[in-house]
Amino acid sequence: MSIHSTLRTVCLLFSCIIAPFVTAQAAEEFTVIQMCDTQLGMGGYEHDVDAFNKAVLEINAMAPDLVVICGDLVDRPDAKSFKDFNEIRAKFTVPCYPAPGNHDVGQMPTAATLANYRKVVGDDYYAVEHKGYNFLIVNTQLWKKDVPEASAKHQAWFSKTLKESHAKGNMNIVVGHYPIFVDTPDEEEQYYNLPMPFRQELMTLCKEQGVVAYMTGHAHKNIVREFEGIPMVVSATSSRNFDGAPMGYRVWTLGSKGELAHEFVHIQNLDESLVPKPKPKK
């Protein structure tokens, strides 16, 4: 057999056997964008609007499967802020699923603040199934504070949805605002984490019911931790970051067998005159 015949045979083998396998492998992966604390008004209103708009343009060009926003959509929950948030969010050409933060529903949510959020933004907790994953968008403020009736109803939904999804064979991803913990699972309760003993109950439930990642914001910096193999990822924001990180969002690649990879991406071409200056140290 000549060298040319051999090459033709190899090319035929690749096109008929190997190439479809590679294509199928690539098709199993998909991309999710994790945005945190768009918080219009936190870093300067014009800056935050500019950053959110430019992030949307960049993300649309990437064509991910979906976007999640981990709470604190606005700094002050007034009509203008929510209107501007909704108008920018509507520019996404891919599905976008926000979670509420403490600035959206209040440090101690009430029936009125929850009703307002549901009216102007949408449900404050819900689930989205996609390609073998189930994204549970949660209202962590109902975990941080025990709100009569609302917290119990939210927890019953979360536990039931998590278990049913796991029983179906889905891989679960929790998307919310508050991290379960910041540094260690047994740290004392503070502004940036969830209270004990509920924290331990939540971590056990996540471990037992197939949670493969927990995505949050709230801390305004990048924090990557782990609990028994579950990535606990707080991502920096598009409004103001306390660790000096540039404005940005996190790009996740998810595989069909639970493979996860992620990286923080900077928003390009921001108006430098609007970029918030670091707060002076006391």
C-alpha atoms as a PDB file:
ATOM      1  CA  MET A   1       0.000   0.000   0.000  1.00  0.00           C
ATOM      2  CA  SER A   2       1.326   3.463  -0.948  1.00  0.00           C
ATOM      3  CA  ILE A   3       1.783   6.288   1.510  1.00  0.00           C
ATOM      4  CA  HIS A   4      -1.157   8.109  -0.087  1.00  0.00           C
ATOM      5  CA  SER A   5      -3.429   5.111   0.330  1.00  0.00           C
ATOM      6  CA  THR A   6      -2.391   4.809   3.954  1.00  0.00           C
ATOM      7  CA  LEU A   7      -3.176   8.487   4.581  1.00  0.00           C
ATOM      8  CA  ARG A   8      -6.559   8.125   2.920  1.00  0.00           C
ATOM      9  CA  THR A   9      -7.304   5.136   5.151  1.00  0.00           C
ATOM     10  CA  VAL A  10      -6.313   7.068   8.289  1.00  0.00           C
ATOM     11  CA  CYS A  11      -8.418  10.072   7.263  1.00  0.00           C
ATOM     12  CA  LEU A  12     -11.393   7.820   6.554  1.00  0.00           C
ATOM     13  CA  LEU A  13     -10.959   6.144   9.939  1.00  0.00           C
ATOM     14  CA  PHE A  14     -10.877   9.542  11.677  1.00  0.00           C
ATOM     15  CA  SER A  15     -13.926  10.886   9.834  1.00  0.00           C
ATOM     16  CA  CYS A  16     -16.023   7.762  10.347  1.00  0.00           C
ATOM     17  CA  ILE A  17     -15.028   6.696  13.844  1.00  0.00           C
ATOM     18  CA  ILE A  18     -12.915   9.180  15.769  1.00  0.00           C
ATOM     19  CA  ALA A  19     -14.376  12.519  14.636  1.00  0.00           C
ATOM     20  CA  PRO A  20     -17.995  11.700  15.596  1.00  0.00           C
ATOM     21  CA  PHE A  21     -16.752  10.579  19.012  1.00  0.00           C
ATOM     22  CA  VAL A  22     -14.845  13.847  19.538  1.00  0.00           C
ATOM     23  CA  THR A  23     -17.841  15.866  18.347  1.00  0.00           C
ATOM     24  CA  ALA A  24     -20.160  13.955  20.673  1.00  0.00           C
ATOM     25  CA  GLN A  25     -17.796  14.532  23.580  1.00  0.00           C
ATOM     26  CA  ALA A  26     -17.692  18.254  22.851  1.00  0.00           C
ATOM     27  CA  ALA A  27     -21.487  18.388  22.543  1.00  0.00           C
ATOM     28  CA  GLU A  28     -21.851  16.969  26.040  1.00  0.00           C
ATOM     29  CA  GLU A  29     -20.198  20.047  27.542  1.00  0.00           C
ATOM     30  CA  PHE A  30     -22.001  23.322  28.013  1.00  0.00           C
ATOM     31  CA  THR A  31     -21.284  26.745  29.482  1.00  0.00           C
ATOM     32  CA  VAL A  32     -22.939  28.586  32.354  1.00  0.00           C
ATOM     33  CA  ILE A  33     -22.159  32.152  33.404  1.00  0.00           C
ATOM     34  CA  GLN A  34     -22.187  33.063  37.090  1.00  0.00           C
ATOM     35  CA  MET A  35     -22.723  36.783  37.684  1.00  0.00           C
ATOM     36  CA  CYS A  36     -22.764  38.230  41.206  1.00  0.00           C
ATOM     37  CA  ASP A  37     -24.001  41.440  42.769  1.00  0.00           C
ATOM     38  CA  THR A  38     -24.855  43.515  39.722  1.00  0.00           C
ATOM     39  CA  GLN A  39     -26.102  45.707  42.592  1.00  0.00           C
ATOM     40  CA  LEU A  40     -26.905  48.865  40.634  1.00  0.00           C
ATOM     41  CA  GLY A  41     -25.798  51.731  42.866  1.00  0.00           C
ATOM     42  CA  MET A  42     -23.148  49.932  44.913  1.00  0.00           C
ATOM     43  CA  GLY A  43     -20.083  51.026  42.961  1.00  0.00           C
ATOM     44  CA  GLY A  44     -21.606  54.179  41.531  1.00  0.00           C
ATOM     45  CA  TYR A  45     -24.856  53.978  39.590  1.00  0.00           C
ATOM     46  CA  GLU A  46     -23.472  54.908  36.167  1.00  0.00           C
ATOM     47  CA  HIS A  47     -20.529  52.554  36.620  1.00  0.00           C
ATOM     48  CA  ASP A  48     -22.736  49.619  37.594  1.00  0.00           C
ATOM     49  CA  VAL A  49     -25.108  50.167  34.676  1.00  0.00           C
ATOM     50  CA  ASP A  50     -22.155  50.456  32.279  1.00  0.00           C
ATOM     51  CA  ALA A  51     -20.517  47.290  33.630  1.00  0.00           C
ATOM     52  CA  PHE A  52     -23.732  45.263  33.523  1.00  0.00           C
ATOM     53  CA  ASN A  53     -24.486  46.383  29.955  1.00  0.00           C
ATOM     54  CA  LYS A  54     -20.992  45.514  28.747  1.00  0.00           C
ATOM     55  CA  ALA A  55     -21.043  42.159  30.517  1.00  0.00           C
ATOM     56  CA  VAL A  56     -24.305  41.319  28.734  1.00  0.00           C
ATOM     57  CA  LEU A  57     -22.738  42.128  25.352  1.00  0.00           C
ATOM     58  CA  GLU A  58     -19.703  39.952  26.083  1.00  0.00           C
ATOM     59  CA  ILE A  59     -21.780  37.075  27.399  1.00  0.00           C
ATOM     60  CA  ASN A  60     -24.155  37.167  24.434  1.00  0.00           C
ATOM     61  CA  ALA A  61     -21.132  36.883  22.120  1.00  0.00           C
ATOM     62  CA  MET A  62     -20.018  33.771  24.027  1.00  0.00           C
ATOM     63  CA  ALA A  63     -23.460  32.176  23.579  1.00  0.00           C
ATOM     64  CA  PRO A  64     -23.535  30.163  26.823  1.00  0.00           C
ATOM     65  CA  ASP A  65     -26.473  27.913  27.597  1.00  0.00           C
ATOM     66  CA  LEU A  66     -27.615  30.061  30.498  1.00  0.00           C
ATOM     67  CA  VAL A  67     -26.715  32.808  32.962  1.00  0.00           C
ATOM     68  CA  VAL A  68     -27.344  32.859  36.716  1.00  0.00           C
ATOM     69  CA  ILE A  69     -27.107  36.000  38.865  1.00  0.00           C
ATOM     70  CA  CYS A  70     -26.327  35.349  42.517  1.00  0.00           C
ATOM     71  CA  GLY A  71     -28.358  38.040  44.212  1.00  0.00           C
ATOM     72  CA  ASP A  72     -28.148  41.718  45.091  1.00  0.00           C
ATOM     73  CA  LEU A  73     -29.457  42.712  41.721  1.00  0.00           C
ATOM     74  CA  VAL A  74     -29.791  46.306  42.970  1.00  0.00           C
ATOM     75  CA  ASP A  75     -28.389  48.290  45.873  1.00  0.00           C
ATOM     76  CA  ARG A  76     -31.662  49.976  46.816  1.00  0.00           C
ATOM     77  CA  PRO A  77     -34.883  48.117  45.987  1.00  0.00           C
ATOM     78  CA  ASP A  78     -36.629  51.125  44.463  1.00  0.00           C
ATOM     79  CA  ALA A  79     -38.657  51.290  41.267  1.00  0.00           C
ATOM     80  CA  LYS A  80     -35.928  52.904  39.139  1.00  0.00           C
ATOM     81  CA  SER A  81     -33.224  50.414  40.155  1.00  0.00           C
ATOM     82  CA  PHE A  82     -35.380  47.370  39.446  1.00  0.00           C
ATOM     83  CA  LYS A  83     -36.591  48.937  36.172  1.00  0.00           C
ATOM     84  CA  ASP A  84     -33.027  49.505  34.997  1.00  0.00           C
ATOM     85  CA  PHE A  85     -31.999  46.016  36.083  1.00  0.00           C
ATOM     86  CA  ASN A  86     -34.879  44.435  34.170  1.00  0.00           C
ATOM     87  CA  GLU A  87     -34.148  46.467  31.048  1.00  0.00           C
ATOM     88  CA  ILE A  88     -30.505  45.398  30.987  1.00  0.00           C
ATOM     89  CA  ARG A  89     -31.344  41.788  31.850  1.00  0.00           C
ATOM     90  CA  ALA A  90     -33.794  41.736  28.910  1.00  0.00           C
ATOM     91  CA  LYS A  91     -30.849  42.314  26.556  1.00  0.00           C
ATOM     92  CA  PHE A  92     -29.540  38.800  27.215  1.00  0.00           C
ATOM     93  CA  THR A  93     -30.030  36.553  24.196  1.00  0.00           C
ATOM     94  CA  VAL A  94     -29.742  33.477  26.437  1.00  0.00           C
ATOM     95  CA  PRO A  95     -31.878  32.478  29.443  1.00  0.00           C
ATOM     96  CA  CYS A  96     -31.005  34.425  32.599  1.00  0.00           C
ATOM     97  CA  TYR A  97     -32.017  33.237  36.070  1.00  0.00           C
ATOM     98  CA  PRO A  98     -31.558  35.637  39.015  1.00  0.00           C
ATOM     99  CA  ALA A  99     -31.636  34.850  42.723  1.00  0.00           C
ATOM    100  CA  PRO A 100     -32.570  37.470  45.337  1.00  0.00           C
ATOM    101  CA  GLY A 101     -30.086  38.987  47.771  1.00  0.00           C
ATOM    102  CA  ASN A 102     -30.421  40.854  51.029  1.00  0.00           C
ATOM    103  CA  HIS A 103     -30.485  44.206  49.203  1.00  0.00           C
ATOM    104  CA  ASP A 104     -33.363  42.973  47.031  1.00  0.00           C
ATOM    105  CA  VAL A 105     -35.702  41.637  49.733  1.00  0.00           C
ATOM    106  CA  GLY A 106     -34.309  43.229  52.904  1.00  0.00           C
ATOM    107  CA  GLN A 107     -32.154  42.058  55.789  1.00  0.00           C
ATOM    108  CA  MET A 108     -35.347  40.729  57.372  1.00  0.00           C
ATOM    109  CA  PRO A 109     -37.739  39.943  54.528  1.00  0.00           C
ATOM    110  CA  THR A 110     -41.415  40.682  55.042  1.00  0.00           C
ATOM    111  CA  ALA A 111     -44.521  39.693  53.151  1.00  0.00           C
ATOM    112  CA  ALA A 112     -44.392  43.115  51.491  1.00  0.00           C
ATOM    113  CA  THR A 113     -40.723  42.966  50.375  1.00  0.00           C
ATOM    114  CA  LEU A 114     -41.125  39.422  49.072  1.00  0.00           C
ATOM    115  CA  ALA A 115     -44.302  40.381  47.211  1.00  0.00           C
ATOM    116  CA  ASN A 116     -42.539  43.389  45.671  1.00  0.00           C
ATOM    117  CA  TYR A 117     -39.625  41.263  44.467  1.00  0.00           C
ATOM    118  CA  ARG A 118     -41.981  38.686  42.972  1.00  0.00           C
ATOM    119  CA  LYS A 119     -43.923  41.430  41.230  1.00  0.00           C
ATOM    120  CA  VAL A 120     -41.002  43.330  39.705  1.00  0.00           C
ATOM    121  CA  VAL A 121     -38.427  40.537  39.165  1.00  0.00           C
ATOM    122  CA  GLY A 122     -40.145  37.132  39.439  1.00  0.00           C
ATOM    123  CA  ASP A 123     -40.109  34.083  41.682  1.00  0.00           C
ATOM    124  CA  ASP A 124     -37.616  34.255  44.528  1.00  0.00           C
ATOM    125  CA  TYR A 125     -36.955  30.497  44.368  1.00  0.00           C
ATOM    126  CA  TYR A 126     -37.411  27.944  41.589  1.00  0.00           C
ATOM    127  CA  ALA A 127     -35.588  25.173  39.719  1.00  0.00           C
ATOM    128  CA  VAL A 128     -34.324  24.884  36.147  1.00  0.00           C
ATOM    129  CA  GLU A 129     -33.391  21.526  34.588  1.00  0.00           C
ATOM    130  CA  HIS A 130     -30.830  21.512  31.800  1.00  0.00           C
ATOM    131  CA  LYS A 131     -28.798  18.696  30.217  1.00  0.00           C
ATOM    132  CA  GLY A 132     -28.739  16.422  33.240  1.00  0.00           C
ATOM    133  CA  TYR A 133     -28.312  19.227  35.779  1.00  0.00           C
ATOM    134  CA  ASN A 134     -30.884  20.868  38.012  1.00  0.00           C
ATOM    135  CA  PHE A 135     -30.202  24.461  39.038  1.00  0.00           C
ATOM    136  CA  LEU A 136     -31.962  25.305  42.283  1.00  0.00           C
ATOM    137  CA  ILE A 137     -32.260  29.096  42.511  1.00  0.00           C
ATOM    138  CA  VAL A 138     -32.748  29.791  46.224  1.00  0.00           C
ATOM    139  CA  ASN A 139     -33.641  32.713  48.482  1.00  0.00           C
ATOM    140  CA  THR A 140     -30.799  32.521  51.003  1.00  0.00           C
ATOM    141  CA  GLN A 141     -32.251  35.407  52.984  1.00  0.00           C
ATOM    142  CA  LEU A 142     -34.901  32.933  54.148  1.00  0.00           C
ATOM    143  CA  TRP A 143     -32.027  30.783  55.450  1.00  0.00           C
ATOM    144  CA  LYS A 144     -30.162  33.683  57.029  1.00  0.00           C
ATOM    145  CA  LYS A 145     -33.270  34.897  58.864  1.00  0.00           C
ATOM    146  CA  ASP A 146     -36.147  32.809  60.165  1.00  0.00           C
ATOM    147  CA  VAL A 147     -39.095  34.522  58.510  1.00  0.00           C
ATOM    148  CA  PRO A 148     -42.445  33.207  59.788  1.00  0.00           C
ATOM    149  CA  GLU A 149     -44.074  30.797  57.311  1.00  0.00           C
ATOM    150  CA  ALA A 150     -41.868  31.920  54.401  1.00  0.00           C
ATOM    151  CA  SER A 151     -38.663  30.239  55.639  1.00  0.00           C
ATOM    152  CA  ALA A 152     -40.385  26.927  56.409  1.00  0.00           C
ATOM    153  CA  LYS A 153     -42.138  26.928  53.023  1.00  0.00           C
ATOM    154  CA  HIS A 154     -38.886  27.676  51.226  1.00  0.00           C
ATOM    155  CA  GLN A 155     -37.010  24.926  53.064  1.00  0.00           C
ATOM    156  CA  ALA A 156     -39.735  22.355  52.387  1.00  0.00           C
ATOM    157  CA  TRP A 157     -39.574  23.213  48.682  1.00  0.00           C
ATOM    158  CA  PHE A 158     -35.768  23.044  48.634  1.00  0.00           C
ATOM    159  CA  SER A 159     -35.549  19.679  50.383  1.00  0.00           C
ATOM    160  CA  LYS A 160     -38.316  18.129  48.258  1.00  0.00           C
ATOM    161  CA  THR A 161     -36.951  19.479  44.964  1.00  0.00           C
ATOM    162  CA  LEU A 162     -33.398  18.438  45.787  1.00  0.00           C
ATOM    163  CA  LYS A 163     -34.411  14.885  46.672  1.00  0.00           C
ATOM    164  CA  GLU A 164     -36.706  14.436  43.674  1.00  0.00           C
ATOM    165  CA  SER A 165     -34.043  15.741  41.320  1.00  0.00           C
ATOM    166  CA  HIS A 166     -31.390  13.445  42.811  1.00  0.00           C
ATOM    167  CA  ALA A 167     -33.750  10.470  42.521  1.00  0.00           C
ATOM    168  CA  LYS A 168     -34.144  11.252  38.794  1.00  0.00           C
ATOM    169  CA  GLY A 169     -30.375  11.108  38.367  1.00  0.00           C
ATOM    170  CA  ASN A 170     -29.807  14.838  37.942  1.00  0.00           C
ATOM    171  CA  MET A 171     -26.718  16.585  39.246  1.00  0.00           C
ATOM    172  CA  ASN A 172     -27.825  19.477  41.455  1.00  0.00           C
ATOM    173  CA  ILE A 173     -26.331  22.963  41.524  1.00  0.00           C
ATOM    174  CA  VAL A 174     -27.470  25.450  44.156  1.00  0.00           C
ATOM    175  CA  VAL A 175     -27.474  29.126  43.138  1.00  0.00           C
ATOM    176  CA  GLY A 176     -28.016  31.754  45.822  1.00  0.00           C
ATOM    177  CA  HIS A 177     -26.635  34.861  47.470  1.00  0.00           C
ATOM    178  CA  TYR A 178     -25.178  33.894  50.850  1.00  0.00           C
ATOM    179  CA  PRO A 179     -22.241  31.475  51.058  1.00  0.00           C
ATOM    180  CA  ILE A 180     -22.817  28.601  53.473  1.00  0.00           C
ATOM    181  CA  PHE A 181     -19.420  29.462  54.958  1.00  0.00           C
ATOM    182  CA  VAL A 182     -16.545  31.738  53.981  1.00  0.00           C
ATOM    183  CA  ASP A 183     -13.413  29.937  55.152  1.00  0.00           C
ATOM    184  CA  THR A 184     -14.292  26.814  57.160  1.00  0.00           C
ATOM    185  CA  PRO A 185     -17.541  24.906  57.753  1.00  0.00           C
ATOM    186  CA  ASP A 186     -17.322  25.381  61.524  1.00  0.00           C
ATOM    187  CA  GLU A 187     -16.575  29.115  61.589  1.00  0.00           C
ATOM    188  CA  GLU A 188     -18.679  31.407  63.773  1.00  0.00           C
ATOM    189  CA  GLU A 189     -21.719  33.050  62.251  1.00  0.00           C
ATOM    190  CA  GLN A 190     -21.116  36.514  60.815  1.00  0.00           C
ATOM    191  CA  TYR A 191     -22.491  38.828  58.150  1.00  0.00           C
ATOM    192  CA  TYR A 192     -21.152  36.781  55.232  1.00  0.00           C
ATOM    193  CA  ASN A 193     -22.245  33.232  56.142  1.00  0.00           C
ATOM    194  CA  LEU A 194     -25.263  31.201  57.231  1.00  0.00           C
ATOM    195  CA  PRO A 195     -26.115  30.406  60.860  1.00  0.00           C
ATOM    196  CA  MET A 196     -25.440  27.242  62.802  1.00  0.00           C
ATOM    197  CA  PRO A 197     -26.859  24.626  63.330  1.00  0.00           C
ATOM    198  CA  PHE A 198     -28.784  25.084  60.078  1.00  0.00           C
ATOM    199  CA  ARG A 199     -25.508  25.390  58.169  1.00  0.00           C
ATOM    200  CA  GLN A 200     -24.499  21.844  59.078  1.00  0.00           C
ATOM    201  CA  GLU A 201     -27.939  20.491  58.171  1.00  0.00           C
ATOM    202  CA  LEU A 202     -27.754  22.215  54.797  1.00  0.00           C
ATOM    203  CA  MET A 203     -24.273  20.877  54.020  1.00  0.00           C
ATOM    204  CA  THR A 204     -25.351  17.346  54.934  1.00  0.00           C
ATOM    205  CA  LEU A 205     -28.431  17.626  52.721  1.00  0.00           C
ATOM    206  CA  CYS A 206     -26.336  18.893  49.810  1.00  0.00           C
ATOM    207  CA  LYS A 207     -23.845  16.048  50.213  1.00  0.00           C
ATOM    208  CA  GLU A 208     -26.535  13.361  50.408  1.00  0.00           C
ATOM    209  CA  GLN A 209     -28.667  14.665  47.521  1.00  0.00           C
ATOM    210  CA  GLY A 210     -26.187  15.013  44.688  1.00  0.00           C
ATOM    211  CA  VAL A 211     -25.187  18.673  44.865  1.00  0.00           C
ATOM    212  CA  VAL A 212     -22.080  19.136  42.704  1.00  0.00           C
ATOM    213  CA  ALA A 213     -21.591  22.901  43.131  1.00  0.00           C
ATOM    214  CA  TYR A 214     -22.821  25.798  45.241  1.00  0.00           C
ATOM    215  CA  MET A 215     -22.604  29.215  43.519  1.00  0.00           C
ATOM    216  CA  THR A 216     -22.986  32.448  45.491  1.00  0.00           C
ATOM    217  CA  GLY A 217     -22.051  36.115  45.706  1.00  0.00           C
ATOM    218  CA  HIS A 218     -22.456  38.570  48.631  1.00  0.00           C
ATOM    219  CA  ALA A 219     -18.782  38.790  49.656  1.00  0.00           C
ATOM    220  CA  HIS A 220     -17.733  41.005  46.698  1.00  0.00           C
ATOM    221  CA  LYS A 221     -14.580  38.993  46.071  1.00  0.00           C
ATOM    222  CA  ASN A 222     -13.448  35.645  44.686  1.00  0.00           C
ATOM    223  CA  ILE A 223     -13.513  32.846  47.253  1.00  0.00           C
ATOM    224  CA  VAL A 224     -13.177  29.204  46.198  1.00  0.00           C
ATOM    225  CA  ARG A 225     -13.713  26.640  48.948  1.00  0.00           C
ATOM    226  CA  GLU A 226     -14.823  23.011  49.095  1.00  0.00           C
ATOM    227  CA  PHE A 227     -16.978  20.836  51.298  1.00  0.00           C
ATOM    228  CA  GLU A 228     -16.452  17.076  50.869  1.00  0.00           C
ATOM    229  CA  GLY A 229     -15.829  17.437  47.154  1.00  0.00           C
ATOM    230  CA  ILE A 230     -18.493  20.098  46.525  1.00  0.00           C
ATOM    231  CA  PRO A 231     -17.042  23.379  45.161  1.00  0.00           C
ATOM    232  CA  MET A 232     -18.325  26.374  47.138  1.00  0.00           C
ATOM    233  CA  VAL A 233     -17.639  29.289  44.810  1.00  0.00           C
ATOM    234  CA  VAL A 234     -18.187  32.940  45.655  1.00  0.00           C
ATOM    235  CA  SER A 235     -17.453  35.081  42.621  1.00  0.00           C
ATOM    236  CA  ALA A 236     -16.422  38.717  42.365  1.00  0.00           C
ATOM    237  CA  THR A 237     -18.897  41.206  40.982  1.00  0.00           C
ATOM    238  CA  SER A 238     -19.663  43.730  38.281  1.00  0.00           C
ATOM    239  CA  SER A 239     -20.260  46.531  40.815  1.00  0.00           C
ATOM    240  CA  ARG A 240     -17.564  46.785  43.514  1.00  0.00           C
ATOM    241  CA  ASN A 241     -14.972  44.256  44.676  1.00  0.00           C
ATOM    242  CA  PHE A 242     -13.418  44.497  48.108  1.00  0.00           C
ATOM    243  CA  ASP A 243     -10.243  42.584  47.195  1.00  0.00           C
ATOM    244  CA  GLY A 244      -9.264  44.787  44.261  1.00  0.00           C
ATOM    245  CA  ALA A 245     -10.419  42.273  41.654  1.00  0.00           C
ATOM    246  CA  PRO A 246     -11.549  43.848  38.366  1.00  0.00           C
ATOM    247  CA  MET A 247     -15.218  43.840  37.473  1.00  0.00           C
ATOM    248  CA  GLY A 248     -16.246  40.536  35.925  1.00  0.00           C
ATOM    249  CA  TYR A 249     -18.144  37.271  35.918  1.00  0.00           C
ATOM    250  CA  ARG A 250     -17.321  33.576  36.157  1.00  0.00           C
ATOM    251  CA  VAL A 251     -17.445  31.142  33.219  1.00  0.00           C
ATOM    252  CA  TRP A 252     -18.291  27.533  34.101  1.00  0.00           C
ATOM    253  CA  THR A 253     -17.900  24.533  31.803  1.00  0.00           C
ATOM    254  CA  LEU A 254     -20.056  21.574  32.814  1.00  0.00           C
ATOM    255  CA  GLY A 255     -19.685  18.025  31.529  1.00  0.00           C
ATOM    256  CA  SER A 256     -22.240  15.252  31.259  1.00  0.00           C
ATOM    257  CA  LYS A 257     -20.624  13.251  34.075  1.00  0.00           C
ATOM    258  CA  GLY A 258     -20.258  16.070  36.567  1.00  0.00           C
ATOM    259  CA  GLU A 259     -16.969  17.456  35.281  1.00  0.00           C
ATOM    260  CA  LEU A 260     -16.686  21.094  36.363  1.00  0.00           C
ATOM    261  CA  ALA A 261     -14.246  23.851  35.471  1.00  0.00           C
ATOM    262  CA  HIS A 262     -14.517  27.583  36.032  1.00  0.00           C
ATOM    263  CA  GLU A 263     -12.559  30.808  35.639  1.00  0.00           C
ATOM    264  CA  PHE A 264     -13.144  34.466  36.433  1.00  0.00           C
ATOM    265  CA  VAL A 265     -13.296  36.729  33.371  1.00  0.00           C
ATOM    266  CA  HIS A 266     -12.793  40.503  33.385  1.00  0.00           C
ATOM    267  CA  ILE A 267     -15.278  42.834  31.713  1.00  0.00           C
ATOM    268  CA  GLN A 268     -13.498  44.678  28.914  1.00  0.00           C
ATOM    269  CA  ASN A 269     -13.627  48.332  27.822  1.00  0.00           C
ATOM    270  CA  LEU A 270     -15.148  49.810  30.961  1.00  0.00           C
ATOM    271  CA  ASP A 271     -15.158  53.597  31.197  1.00  0.00           C
ATOM    272  CA  GLU A 272     -12.172  54.159  33.494  1.00  0.00           C
ATOM    273  CA  SER A 273     -13.645  57.389  34.797  1.00  0.00           C
ATOM    274  CA  LEU A 274     -16.536  55.393  36.253  1.00  0.00           C
ATOM    275  CA  VAL A 275     -14.500  52.603  37.839  1.00  0.00           C
ATOM    276  CA  PRO A 276     -14.963  52.802  41.631  1.00  0.00           C
ATOM    277  CA  LYS A 277     -11.883  53.670  43.654  1.00  0.00           C
ATOM    278  CA  PRO A 278     -10.923  51.297  46.478  1.00  0.00           C
ATOM    279  CA  LYS A 279     -12.237  52.356  49.868  1.00  0.00           C
ATOM    280  CA  PRO A 280      -9.486  53.749  52.103  1.00  0.00           C
ATOM    281  CA  LYS A 281      -8.344  51.391  54.848  1.00  0.00           C
ATOM    282  CA  LYS A 282      -9.282  52.462  58.361  1.00  0.00           C
END
